[in-house]
């Protein structure tokens, strides 16, 4: 027998709540986590691409100066390494969730 005084969603089965108590529960927390993770991935990817463009611009505008070219090359290398880390972190999260057969944050019910 289910308790009808709870306002949580447990196991995907909605339980009736008394009026005035907000419903929702654990699935809303996972939805927020998924949205935050997606926003972080997008922001970090955009920043890495912006640094990639900035490094290319600095290389073009270096005018043949060796130190400016080296600084631009370092910016490009760090931007590429950042993009690789972003994609590897996404890949590692998906591999771990596959190996342990657990849903990732993006796969949890919303």
PDB file of N, CA and C in Angstrom:
ATOM      1  N   UNK A   1       0.844  -1.175   0.000  1.00  0.00           N
ATOM      2  CA  UNK A   1       0.000   0.000   0.000  1.00  0.00           C
ATOM      3  C   UNK A   1       0.892   1.241   0.000  1.00  0.00           C
ATOM      4  N   UNK A   2       0.570   2.167  -0.865  1.00  0.00           N
ATOM      5  CA  UNK A   2       1.389   3.377  -0.957  1.00  0.00           C
ATOM      6  C   UNK A   2       0.862   4.438  -0.002  1.00  0.00           C
ATOM      7  N   UNK A   3       1.792   5.175   0.526  1.00  0.00           N
ATOM      8  CA  UNK A   3       1.461   6.282   1.416  1.00  0.00           C
ATOM      9  C   UNK A   3       1.053   7.478   0.572  1.00  0.00           C
ATOM     10  N   UNK A   4      -0.078   8.068   0.814  1.00  0.00           N
ATOM     11  CA  UNK A   4      -0.588   9.154  -0.004  1.00  0.00           C
ATOM     12  C   UNK A   4      -0.269  10.531   0.567  1.00  0.00           C
ATOM     13  N   UNK A   5       0.564  10.604   1.594  1.00  0.00           N
ATOM     14  CA  UNK A   5       0.902  11.896   2.165  1.00  0.00           C
ATOM     15  C   UNK A   5       2.241  12.421   1.650  1.00  0.00           C
ATOM     16  N   UNK A   6       2.929  11.636   0.881  1.00  0.00           N
ATOM     17  CA  UNK A   6       4.219  12.068   0.350  1.00  0.00           C
ATOM     18  C   UNK A   6       4.015  12.908  -0.897  1.00  0.00           C
ATOM     19  N   UNK A   7       4.959  13.783  -1.168  1.00  0.00           N
ATOM     20  CA  UNK A   7       4.857  14.607  -2.364  1.00  0.00           C
ATOM     21  C   UNK A   7       6.004  14.345  -3.325  1.00  0.00           C
ATOM     22  N   UNK A   8       6.664  13.199  -3.190  1.00  0.00           N
ATOM     23  CA  UNK A   8       7.778  12.857  -4.056  1.00  0.00           C
ATOM     24  C   UNK A   8       7.325  11.936  -5.177  1.00  0.00           C
ATOM     25  N   UNK A   9       8.125  11.885  -6.215  1.00  0.00           N
ATOM     26  CA  UNK A   9       7.923  10.923  -7.281  1.00  0.00           C
ATOM     27  C   UNK A   9       8.977   9.849  -7.072  1.00  0.00           C
ATOM     28  N   UNK A  10       8.560   8.666  -6.657  1.00  0.00           N
ATOM     29  CA  UNK A  10       9.487   7.587  -6.346  1.00  0.00           C
ATOM     30  C   UNK A  10       9.275   6.473  -7.356  1.00  0.00           C
ATOM     31  N   UNK A  11      10.339   6.130  -8.068  1.00  0.00           N
ATOM     32  CA  UNK A  11      10.255   5.041  -9.027  1.00  0.00           C
ATOM     33  C   UNK A  11       9.373   5.368 -10.216  1.00  0.00           C
ATOM     34  N   UNK A  12       9.174   6.611 -10.498  1.00  0.00           N
ATOM     35  CA  UNK A  12       8.365   6.990 -11.642  1.00  0.00           C
ATOM     36  C   UNK A  12       6.879   6.935 -11.382  1.00  0.00           C
ATOM     37  N   UNK A  13       6.462   6.533 -10.189  1.00  0.00           N
ATOM     38  CA  UNK A  13       5.049   6.451  -9.866  1.00  0.00           C
ATOM     39  C   UNK A  13       4.647   7.689  -9.085  1.00  0.00           C
ATOM     40  N   UNK A  14       3.787   8.525  -9.651  1.00  0.00           N
ATOM     41  CA  UNK A  14       3.395   9.724  -8.907  1.00  0.00           C
ATOM     42  C   UNK A  14       2.532   9.369  -7.705  1.00  0.00           C
ATOM     43  N   UNK A  15       2.810  10.007  -6.609  1.00  0.00           N
ATOM     44  CA  UNK A  15       2.049   9.812  -5.383  1.00  0.00           C
ATOM     45  C   UNK A  15       1.282  11.097  -5.125  1.00  0.00           C
ATOM     46  N   UNK A  16       0.031  10.972  -4.817  1.00  0.00           N
ATOM     47  CA  UNK A  16      -0.795  12.152  -4.590  1.00  0.00           C
ATOM     48  C   UNK A  16      -0.336  12.882  -3.338  1.00  0.00           C
ATOM     49  N   UNK A  17      -0.279  14.180  -3.440  1.00  0.00           N
ATOM     50  CA  UNK A  17       0.158  15.004  -2.327  1.00  0.00           C
ATOM     51  C   UNK A  17      -0.992  15.871  -1.856  1.00  0.00           C
ATOM     52  N   UNK A  18      -0.997  16.200  -0.568  1.00  0.00           N
ATOM     53  CA  UNK A  18      -2.006  17.139  -0.098  1.00  0.00           C
ATOM     54  C   UNK A  18      -1.823  18.489  -0.797  1.00  0.00           C
ATOM     55  N   UNK A  19      -2.861  19.235  -0.875  1.00  0.00           N
ATOM     56  CA  UNK A  19      -2.756  20.526  -1.554  1.00  0.00           C
ATOM     57  C   UNK A  19      -1.810  21.445  -0.793  1.00  0.00           C
ATOM     58  N   UNK A  20      -1.068  22.255  -1.553  1.00  0.00           N
ATOM     59  CA  UNK A  20      -0.137  23.189  -0.950  1.00  0.00           C
ATOM     60  C   UNK A  20       1.275  22.661  -0.820  1.00  0.00           C
ATOM     61  N   UNK A  21       1.504  21.351  -1.015  1.00  0.00           N
ATOM     62  CA  UNK A  21       2.843  20.776  -0.952  1.00  0.00           C
ATOM     63  C   UNK A  21       3.327  20.609  -2.386  1.00  0.00           C
ATOM     64  N   UNK A  22       4.471  21.176  -2.722  1.00  0.00           N
ATOM     65  CA  UNK A  22       4.939  21.062  -4.105  1.00  0.00           C
ATOM     66  C   UNK A  22       5.309  19.631  -4.457  1.00  0.00           C
ATOM     67  N   UNK A  23       4.901  19.188  -5.613  1.00  0.00           N
ATOM     68  CA  UNK A  23       5.253  17.855  -6.092  1.00  0.00           C
ATOM     69  C   UNK A  23       6.552  17.961  -6.880  1.00  0.00           C
ATOM     70  N   UNK A  24       7.113  16.863  -7.223  1.00  0.00           N
ATOM     71  CA  UNK A  24       8.355  16.865  -7.996  1.00  0.00           C
ATOM     72  C   UNK A  24       9.258  15.797  -7.461  1.00  0.00           C
ATOM     73  N   UNK A  25      10.267  16.155  -6.738  1.00  0.00           N
ATOM     74  CA  UNK A  25      11.118  15.187  -6.087  1.00  0.00           C
ATOM     75  C   UNK A  25      12.450  14.989  -6.752  1.00  0.00           C
ATOM     76  N   UNK A  26      12.912  13.749  -6.739  1.00  0.00           N
ATOM     77  CA  UNK A  26      14.264  13.437  -7.160  1.00  0.00           C
ATOM     78  C   UNK A  26      14.488  13.637  -8.648  1.00  0.00           C
ATOM     79  N   UNK A  27      13.485  13.377  -9.472  1.00  0.00           N
ATOM     80  CA  UNK A  27      13.690  13.495 -10.912  1.00  0.00           C
ATOM     81  C   UNK A  27      13.969  14.929 -11.324  1.00  0.00           C
ATOM     82  N   UNK A  28      13.457  15.911 -10.606  1.00  0.00           N
ATOM     83  CA  UNK A  28      13.735  17.302 -10.943  1.00  0.00           C
ATOM     84  C   UNK A  28      15.204  17.643 -10.675  1.00  0.00           C
ATOM     85  N   UNK A  29      15.790  17.059  -9.637  1.00  0.00           N
ATOM     86  CA  UNK A  29      17.198  17.291  -9.335  1.00  0.00           C
ATOM     87  C   UNK A  29      18.075  16.767 -10.466  1.00  0.00           C
ATOM     88  N   UNK A  30      17.758  15.590 -10.992  1.00  0.00           N
ATOM     89  CA  UNK A  30      18.528  15.042 -12.101  1.00  0.00           C
ATOM     90  C   UNK A  30      18.375  15.902 -13.342  1.00  0.00           C
ATOM     91  N   UNK A  31      17.199  16.457 -13.556  1.00  0.00           N
ATOM     92  CA  UNK A  31      16.971  17.327 -14.708  1.00  0.00           C
ATOM     93  C   UNK A  31      17.843  18.572 -14.598  1.00  0.00           C
ATOM     94  N   UNK A  32      17.937  19.149 -13.397  1.00  0.00           N
ATOM     95  CA  UNK A  32      18.793  20.315 -13.200  1.00  0.00           C
ATOM     96  C   UNK A  32      20.258  19.955 -13.446  1.00  0.00           C
ATOM     97  N   UNK A  33      20.686  18.802 -12.949  1.00  0.00           N
ATOM     98  CA  UNK A  33      22.067  18.366 -13.147  1.00  0.00           C
ATOM     99  C   UNK A  33      22.398  18.176 -14.616  1.00  0.00           C
ATOM    100  N   UNK A  34      21.477  17.586 -15.355  1.00  0.00           N
ATOM    101  CA  UNK A  34      21.672  17.387 -16.784  1.00  0.00           C
ATOM    102  C   UNK A  34      21.768  18.720 -17.507  1.00  0.00           C
ATOM    103  N   UNK A  35      20.906  19.658 -17.147  1.00  0.00           N
ATOM    104  CA  UNK A  35      20.930  20.975 -17.790  1.00  0.00           C
ATOM    105  C   UNK A  35      22.207  21.729 -17.461  1.00  0.00           C
ATOM    106  N   UNK A  36      22.653  21.662 -16.218  1.00  0.00           N
ATOM    107  CA  UNK A  36      23.880  22.352 -15.815  1.00  0.00           C
ATOM    108  C   UNK A  36      25.085  21.756 -16.536  1.00  0.00           C
ATOM    109  N   UNK A  37      25.137  20.417 -16.622  1.00  0.00           N
ATOM    110  CA  UNK A  37      26.246  19.765 -17.309  1.00  0.00           C
ATOM    111  C   UNK A  37      26.277  20.142 -18.785  1.00  0.00           C
ATOM    112  N   UNK A  38      25.135  20.188 -19.421  1.00  0.00           N
ATOM    113  CA  UNK A  38      25.064  20.585 -20.826  1.00  0.00           C
ATOM    114  C   UNK A  38      25.522  22.024 -21.013  1.00  0.00           C
ATOM    115  N   UNK A  39      25.087  22.905 -20.137  1.00  0.00           N
ATOM    116  CA  UNK A  39      25.479  24.320 -20.230  1.00  0.00           C
ATOM    117  C   UNK A  39      26.992  24.464 -20.034  1.00  0.00           C
ATOM    118  N   UNK A  40      27.564  23.725 -19.088  1.00  0.00           N
ATOM    119  CA  UNK A  40      29.005  23.795 -18.848  1.00  0.00           C
ATOM    120  C   UNK A  40      29.775  23.319 -20.080  1.00  0.00           C
ATOM    121  N   UNK A  41      29.332  22.188 -20.671  1.00  0.00           N
ATOM    122  CA  UNK A  41      29.995  21.696 -21.880  1.00  0.00           C
ATOM    123  C   UNK A  41      29.940  22.725 -23.008  1.00  0.00           C
ATOM    124  N   UNK A  42      28.796  23.345 -23.199  1.00  0.00           N
ATOM    125  CA  UNK A  42      28.651  24.327 -24.277  1.00  0.00           C
ATOM    126  C   UNK A  42      29.542  25.539 -24.027  1.00  0.00           C
ATOM    127  N   UNK A  43      29.534  26.066 -22.807  1.00  0.00           N
ATOM    128  CA  UNK A  43      30.335  27.254 -22.493  1.00  0.00           C
ATOM    129  C   UNK A  43      31.825  26.966 -22.654  1.00  0.00           C
ATOM    130  N   UNK A  44      32.280  25.835 -22.140  1.00  0.00           N
ATOM    131  CA  UNK A  44      33.700  25.504 -22.213  1.00  0.00           C
ATOM    132  C   UNK A  44      34.126  25.267 -23.662  1.00  0.00           C
ATOM    133  N   UNK A  45      33.273  24.635 -24.463  1.00  0.00           N
ATOM    134  CA  UNK A  45      33.591  24.422 -25.869  1.00  0.00           C
ATOM    135  C   UNK A  45      33.669  25.747 -26.616  1.00  0.00           C
ATOM    136  N   UNK A  46      32.740  26.645 -26.355  1.00  0.00           N
ATOM    137  CA  UNK A  46      32.764  27.959 -27.000  1.00  0.00           C
ATOM    138  C   UNK A  46      34.025  28.731 -26.604  1.00  0.00           C
ATOM    139  N   UNK A  47      34.409  28.666 -25.331  1.00  0.00           N
ATOM    140  CA  UNK A  47      35.638  29.339 -24.894  1.00  0.00           C
ATOM    141  C   UNK A  47      36.879  28.758 -25.571  1.00  0.00           C
ATOM    142  N   UNK A  48      36.940  27.439 -25.682  1.00  0.00           N
ATOM    143  CA  UNK A  48      38.097  26.816 -26.330  1.00  0.00           C
ATOM    144  C   UNK A  48      38.157  27.198 -27.805  1.00  0.00           C
ATOM    145  N   UNK A  49      37.016  27.235 -28.470  1.00  0.00           N
ATOM    146  CA  UNK A  49      37.001  27.651 -29.877  1.00  0.00           C
ATOM    147  C   UNK A  49      37.373  29.120 -30.021  1.00  0.00           C
ATOM    148  N   UNK A  50      36.951  29.960 -29.072  1.00  0.00           N
ATOM    149  CA  UNK A  50      37.321  31.373 -29.114  1.00  0.00           C
ATOM    150  C   UNK A  50      38.826  31.533 -28.955  1.00  0.00           C
ATOM    151  N   UNK A  51      39.446  30.747 -28.047  1.00  0.00           N
ATOM    152  CA  UNK A  51      40.900  30.811 -27.890  1.00  0.00           C
ATOM    153  C   UNK A  51      41.604  30.297 -29.149  1.00  0.00           C
ATOM    154  N   UNK A  52      41.007  29.319 -29.810  1.00  0.00           N
ATOM    155  CA  UNK A  52      41.580  28.832 -31.056  1.00  0.00           C
ATOM    156  C   UNK A  52      41.588  29.936 -32.111  1.00  0.00           C
ATOM    157  N   UNK A  53      40.485  30.640 -32.232  1.00  0.00           N
ATOM    158  CA  UNK A  53      40.420  31.761 -33.173  1.00  0.00           C
ATOM    159  C   UNK A  53      41.374  32.883 -32.768  1.00  0.00           C
ATOM    160  N   UNK A  54      41.461  33.161 -31.474  1.00  0.00           N
ATOM    161  CA  UNK A  54      42.344  34.219 -30.988  1.00  0.00           C
ATOM    162  C   UNK A  54      43.806  33.873 -31.278  1.00  0.00           C
ATOM    163  N   UNK A  55      44.168  32.607 -31.102  1.00  0.00           N
ATOM    164  CA  UNK A  55      45.536  32.186 -31.415  1.00  0.00           C
ATOM    165  C   UNK A  55      45.845  32.320 -32.902  1.00  0.00           C
ATOM    166  N   UNK A  56      44.888  31.979 -33.741  1.00  0.00           N
ATOM    167  CA  UNK A  56      45.077  32.150 -35.176  1.00  0.00           C
ATOM    168  C   UNK A  56      45.215  33.612 -35.560  1.00  0.00           C
ATOM    169  N   UNK A  57      44.411  34.450 -34.939  1.00  0.00           N
ATOM    170  CA  UNK A  57      44.497  35.891 -35.203  1.00  0.00           C
ATOM    171  C   UNK A  57      45.850  36.439 -34.769  1.00  0.00           C
ATOM    172  N   UNK A  58      46.331  36.022 -33.595  1.00  0.00           N
ATOM    173  CA  UNK A  58      47.623  36.489 -33.100  1.00  0.00           C
ATOM    174  C   UNK A  58      48.759  36.025 -34.006  1.00  0.00           C
ATOM    175  N   UNK A  59      48.642  34.819 -34.568  1.00  0.00           N
ATOM    176  CA  UNK A  59      49.659  34.303 -35.467  1.00  0.00           C
ATOM    177  C   UNK A  59      49.714  35.144 -36.744  1.00  0.00           C
ATOM    178  N   UNK A  60      48.523  35.433 -37.296  1.00  0.00           N
ATOM    179  CA  UNK A  60      48.456  36.234 -38.516  1.00  0.00           C
ATOM    180  C   UNK A  60      49.008  37.637 -38.270  1.00  0.00           C
ATOM    181  N   UNK A  61      48.700  38.218 -37.136  1.00  0.00           N
ATOM    182  CA  UNK A  61      49.110  39.593 -36.837  1.00  0.00           C
ATOM    183  C   UNK A  61      50.517  39.684 -36.221  1.00  0.00           C
ATOM    184  N   UNK A  62      51.234  38.571 -36.146  1.00  0.00           N
ATOM    185  CA  UNK A  62      52.550  38.587 -35.504  1.00  0.00           C
ATOM    186  C   UNK A  62      53.584  39.356 -36.317  1.00  0.00           C
ATOM    187  N   UNK A  63      53.409  39.438 -37.586  1.00  0.00           N
ATOM    188  CA  UNK A  63      54.347  40.188 -38.415  1.00  0.00           C
ATOM    189  C   UNK A  63      55.723  39.563 -38.512  1.00  0.00           C
ATOM    190  N   UNK A  64      55.833  38.265 -38.295  1.00  0.00           N
ATOM    191  CA  UNK A  64      57.128  37.592 -38.410  1.00  0.00           C
ATOM    192  C   UNK A  64      57.969  37.625 -37.145  1.00  0.00           C
ATOM    193  N   UNK A  65      57.494  38.267 -36.088  1.00  0.00           N
ATOM    194  CA  UNK A  65      58.235  38.325 -34.819  1.00  0.00           C
ATOM    195  C   UNK A  65      58.204  36.941 -34.156  1.00  0.00           C
ATOM    196  N   UNK A  66      59.380  36.425 -33.846  1.00  0.00           N
ATOM    197  CA  UNK A  66      59.486  35.062 -33.311  1.00  0.00           C
ATOM    198  C   UNK A  66      58.753  34.884 -31.983  1.00  0.00           C
ATOM    199  N   UNK A  67      58.857  35.857 -31.088  1.00  0.00           N
ATOM    200  CA  UNK A  67      58.197  35.709 -29.787  1.00  0.00           C
ATOM    201  C   UNK A  67      56.681  35.771 -29.934  1.00  0.00           C
ATOM    202  N   UNK A  68      56.178  36.621 -30.828  1.00  0.00           N
ATOM    203  CA  UNK A  68      54.729  36.690 -31.038  1.00  0.00           C
ATOM    204  C   UNK A  68      54.210  35.404 -31.673  1.00  0.00           C
ATOM    205  N   UNK A  69      54.988  34.846 -32.592  1.00  0.00           N
ATOM    206  CA  UNK A  69      54.588  33.575 -33.210  1.00  0.00           C
ATOM    207  C   UNK A  69      54.569  32.466 -32.160  1.00  0.00           C
ATOM    208  N   UNK A  70      55.574  32.446 -31.286  1.00  0.00           N
ATOM    209  CA  UNK A  70      55.613  31.422 -30.234  1.00  0.00           C
ATOM    210  C   UNK A  70      54.441  31.577 -29.270  1.00  0.00           C
ATOM    211  N   UNK A  71      54.092  32.794 -28.904  1.00  0.00           N
ATOM    212  CA  UNK A  71      52.935  33.010 -28.026  1.00  0.00           C
ATOM    213  C   UNK A  71      51.641  32.578 -28.707  1.00  0.00           C
ATOM    214  N   UNK A  72      51.514  32.887 -29.993  1.00  0.00           N
ATOM    215  CA  UNK A  72      50.313  32.474 -30.729  1.00  0.00           C
ATOM    216  C   UNK A  72      50.255  30.959 -30.842  1.00  0.00           C
ATOM    217  N   UNK A  73      51.397  30.325 -31.073  1.00  0.00           N
ATOM    218  CA  UNK A  73      51.441  28.865 -31.163  1.00  0.00           C
ATOM    219  C   UNK A  73      51.043  28.239 -29.833  1.00  0.00           C
ATOM    220  N   UNK A  74      51.507  28.803 -28.731  1.00  0.00           N
ATOM    221  CA  UNK A  74      51.122  28.283 -27.416  1.00  0.00           C
ATOM    222  C   UNK A  74      49.620  28.423 -27.191  1.00  0.00           C
ATOM    223  N   UNK A  75      49.047  29.551 -27.606  1.00  0.00           N
ATOM    224  CA  UNK A  75      47.601  29.732 -27.467  1.00  0.00           C
ATOM    225  C   UNK A  75      46.854  28.675 -28.272  1.00  0.00           C
ATOM    226  N   UNK A  76      47.300  28.420 -29.490  1.00  0.00           N
ATOM    227  CA  UNK A  76      46.655  27.404 -30.327  1.00  0.00           C
ATOM    228  C   UNK A  76      46.775  26.008 -29.711  1.00  0.00           C
ATOM    229  N   UNK A  77      47.955  25.693 -29.208  1.00  0.00           N
ATOM    230  CA  UNK A  77      48.162  24.370 -28.609  1.00  0.00           C
ATOM    231  C   UNK A  77      47.286  24.196 -27.377  1.00  0.00           C
ATOM    232  N   UNK A  78      47.223  25.205 -26.524  1.00  0.00           N
ATOM    233  CA  UNK A  78      46.400  25.097 -25.316  1.00  0.00           C
ATOM    234  C   UNK A  78      44.918  25.002 -25.660  1.00  0.00           C
ATOM    235  N   UNK A  79      44.481  25.695 -26.692  1.00  0.00           N
ATOM    236  CA  UNK A  79      43.077  25.619 -27.106  1.00  0.00           C
ATOM    237  C   UNK A  79      42.749  24.226 -27.633  1.00  0.00           C
ATOM    238  N   UNK A  80      43.646  23.649 -28.410  1.00  0.00           N
ATOM    239  CA  UNK A  80      43.413  22.303 -28.940  1.00  0.00           C
ATOM    240  C   UNK A  80      43.426  21.271 -27.815  1.00  0.00           C
ATOM    241  N   UNK A  81      44.365  21.411 -26.882  1.00  0.00           N
ATOM    242  CA  UNK A  81      44.407  20.498 -25.735  1.00  0.00           C
ATOM    243  C   UNK A  81      43.126  20.631 -24.907  1.00  0.00           C
ATOM    244  N   UNK A  82      42.633  21.858 -24.745  1.00  0.00           N
ATOM    245  CA  UNK A  82      41.373  22.067 -24.030  1.00  0.00           C
ATOM    246  C   UNK A  82      40.208  21.381 -24.713  1.00  0.00           C
ATOM    247  N   UNK A  83      40.127  21.483 -26.034  1.00  0.00           N
ATOM    248  CA  UNK A  83      39.060  20.798 -26.767  1.00  0.00           C
ATOM    249  C   UNK A  83      39.172  19.285 -26.617  1.00  0.00           C
ATOM    250  N   UNK A  84      40.398  18.775 -26.648  1.00  0.00           N
ATOM    251  CA  UNK A  84      40.590  17.331 -26.473  1.00  0.00           C
ATOM    252  C   UNK A  84      40.120  16.904 -25.087  1.00  0.00           C
ATOM    253  N   UNK A  85      40.447  17.679 -24.050  1.00  0.00           N
ATOM    254  CA  UNK A  85      39.987  17.351 -22.697  1.00  0.00           C
ATOM    255  C   UNK A  85      38.464  17.388 -22.587  1.00  0.00           C
ATOM    256  N   UNK A  86      37.841  18.345 -23.239  1.00  0.00           N
ATOM    257  CA  UNK A  86      36.382  18.432 -23.204  1.00  0.00           C
ATOM    258  C   UNK A  86      35.760  17.181 -23.795  1.00  0.00           C
ATOM    259  N   UNK A  87      36.235  16.798 -24.975  1.00  0.00           N
ATOM    260  CA  UNK A  87      35.656  15.631 -25.632  1.00  0.00           C
ATOM    261  C   UNK A  87      36.012  14.342 -24.906  1.00  0.00           C
ATOM    262  N   UNK A  88      37.223  14.255 -24.340  1.00  0.00           N
ATOM    263  CA  UNK A  88      37.586  13.068 -23.570  1.00  0.00           C
ATOM    264  C   UNK A  88      36.760  12.939 -22.300  1.00  0.00           C
ATOM    265  N   UNK A  89      36.463  14.049 -21.637  1.00  0.00           N
ATOM    266  CA  UNK A  89      35.643  13.966 -20.422  1.00  0.00           C
ATOM    267  C   UNK A  89      34.243  13.464 -20.768  1.00  0.00           C
ATOM    268  N   UNK A  90      33.701  13.934 -21.882  1.00  0.00           N
ATOM    269  CA  UNK A  90      32.391  13.457 -22.326  1.00  0.00           C
ATOM    270  C   UNK A  90      32.455  11.962 -22.643  1.00  0.00           C
ATOM    271  N   UNK A  91      33.527  11.535 -23.329  1.00  0.00           N
ATOM    272  CA  UNK A  91      33.688  10.134 -23.683  1.00  0.00           C
ATOM    273  C   UNK A  91      33.861   9.262 -22.446  1.00  0.00           C
ATOM    274  N   UNK A  92      34.658   9.708 -21.490  1.00  0.00           N
ATOM    275  CA  UNK A  92      34.906   8.930 -20.270  1.00  0.00           C
ATOM    276  C   UNK A  92      33.627   8.760 -19.466  1.00  0.00           C
ATOM    277  N   UNK A  93      32.831   9.810 -19.368  1.00  0.00           N
ATOM    278  CA  UNK A  93      31.557   9.704 -18.652  1.00  0.00           C
ATOM    279  C   UNK A  93      30.657   8.674 -19.312  1.00  0.00           C
ATOM    280  N   UNK A  94      30.600   8.684 -20.644  1.00  0.00           N
ATOM    281  CA  UNK A  94      29.760   7.712 -21.347  1.00  0.00           C
ATOM    282  C   UNK A  94      30.296   6.290 -21.226  1.00  0.00           C
ATOM    283  N   UNK A  95      31.609   6.114 -21.234  1.00  0.00           N
ATOM    284  CA  UNK A  95      32.186   4.777 -21.077  1.00  0.00           C
ATOM    285  C   UNK A  95      31.914   4.241 -19.677  1.00  0.00           C
ATOM    286  N   UNK A  96      32.082   5.076 -18.662  1.00  0.00           N
ATOM    287  CA  UNK A  96      31.836   4.625 -17.286  1.00  0.00           C
ATOM    288  C   UNK A  96      30.376   4.243 -17.100  1.00  0.00           C
ATOM    289  N   UNK A  97      29.471   5.044 -17.615  1.00  0.00           N
ATOM    290  CA  UNK A  97      28.051   4.707 -17.462  1.00  0.00           C
ATOM    291  C   UNK A  97      27.698   3.446 -18.237  1.00  0.00           C
ATOM    292  N   UNK A  98      28.387   3.175 -19.355  1.00  0.00           N
ATOM    293  CA  UNK A  98      28.139   1.953 -20.114  1.00  0.00           C
ATOM    294  C   UNK A  98      28.692   0.733 -19.386  1.00  0.00           C
ATOM    295  N   UNK A  99      29.913   0.840 -18.865  1.00  0.00           N
ATOM    296  CA  UNK A  99      30.547  -0.299 -18.196  1.00  0.00           C
ATOM    297  C   UNK A  99      29.774  -0.695 -16.943  1.00  0.00           C
ATOM    298  N   UNK A 100      29.373   0.280 -16.137  1.00  0.00           N
ATOM    299  CA  UNK A 100      28.673  -0.023 -14.894  1.00  0.00           C
ATOM    300  C   UNK A 100      27.164  -0.113 -15.071  1.00  0.00           C
ATOM    301  N   UNK A 101      26.702   0.044 -16.304  1.00  0.00           N
ATOM    302  CA  UNK A 101      25.290  -0.101 -16.640  1.00  0.00           C
ATOM    303  C   UNK A 101      24.398   0.812 -15.784  1.00  0.00           C
ATOM    304  N   UNK A 102      24.823   2.044 -15.651  1.00  0.00           N
ATOM    305  CA  UNK A 102      24.026   3.044 -14.940  1.00  0.00           C
ATOM    306  C   UNK A 102      23.658   4.151 -15.925  1.00  0.00           C
ATOM    307  N   UNK A 103      22.525   4.772 -15.745  1.00  0.00           N
ATOM    308  CA  UNK A 103      22.166   5.859 -16.671  1.00  0.00           C
ATOM    309  C   UNK A 103      23.023   7.087 -16.415  1.00  0.00           C
ATOM    310  N   UNK A 104      23.399   7.765 -17.476  1.00  0.00           N
ATOM    311  CA  UNK A 104      24.123   9.015 -17.305  1.00  0.00           C
ATOM    312  C   UNK A 104      23.130  10.093 -16.885  1.00  0.00           C
ATOM    313  N   UNK A 105      23.635  11.242 -16.538  1.00  0.00           N
ATOM    314  CA  UNK A 105      22.766  12.330 -16.096  1.00  0.00           C
ATOM    315  C   UNK A 105      21.785  12.707 -17.192  1.00  0.00           C
ATOM    316  N   UNK A 106      22.240  12.651 -18.436  1.00  0.00           N
ATOM    317  CA  UNK A 106      21.379  13.026 -19.549  1.00  0.00           C
ATOM    318  C   UNK A 106      20.281  12.013 -19.803  1.00  0.00           C
ATOM    319  N   UNK A 107      20.474  10.739 -19.382  1.00  0.00           N
ATOM    320  CA  UNK A 107      19.485   9.691 -19.626  1.00  0.00           C
ATOM    321  C   UNK A 107      18.456   9.539 -18.535  1.00  0.00           C
ATOM    322  N   UNK A 108      18.629  10.206 -17.411  1.00  0.00           N
ATOM    323  CA  UNK A 108      17.692  10.083 -16.316  1.00  0.00           C
ATOM    324  C   UNK A 108      16.372  10.751 -16.671  1.00  0.00           C
ATOM    325  N   UNK A 109      15.289  10.305 -16.075  1.00  0.00           N
ATOM    326  CA  UNK A 109      13.998  10.906 -16.402  1.00  0.00           C
ATOM    327  C   UNK A 109      13.947  12.371 -16.031  1.00  0.00           C
ATOM    328  N   UNK A 110      13.248  13.115 -16.827  1.00  0.00           N
ATOM    329  CA  UNK A 110      13.153  14.554 -16.592  1.00  0.00           C
ATOM    330  C   UNK A 110      11.838  14.893 -15.942  1.00  0.00           C
TER     331      UNK A 110
END
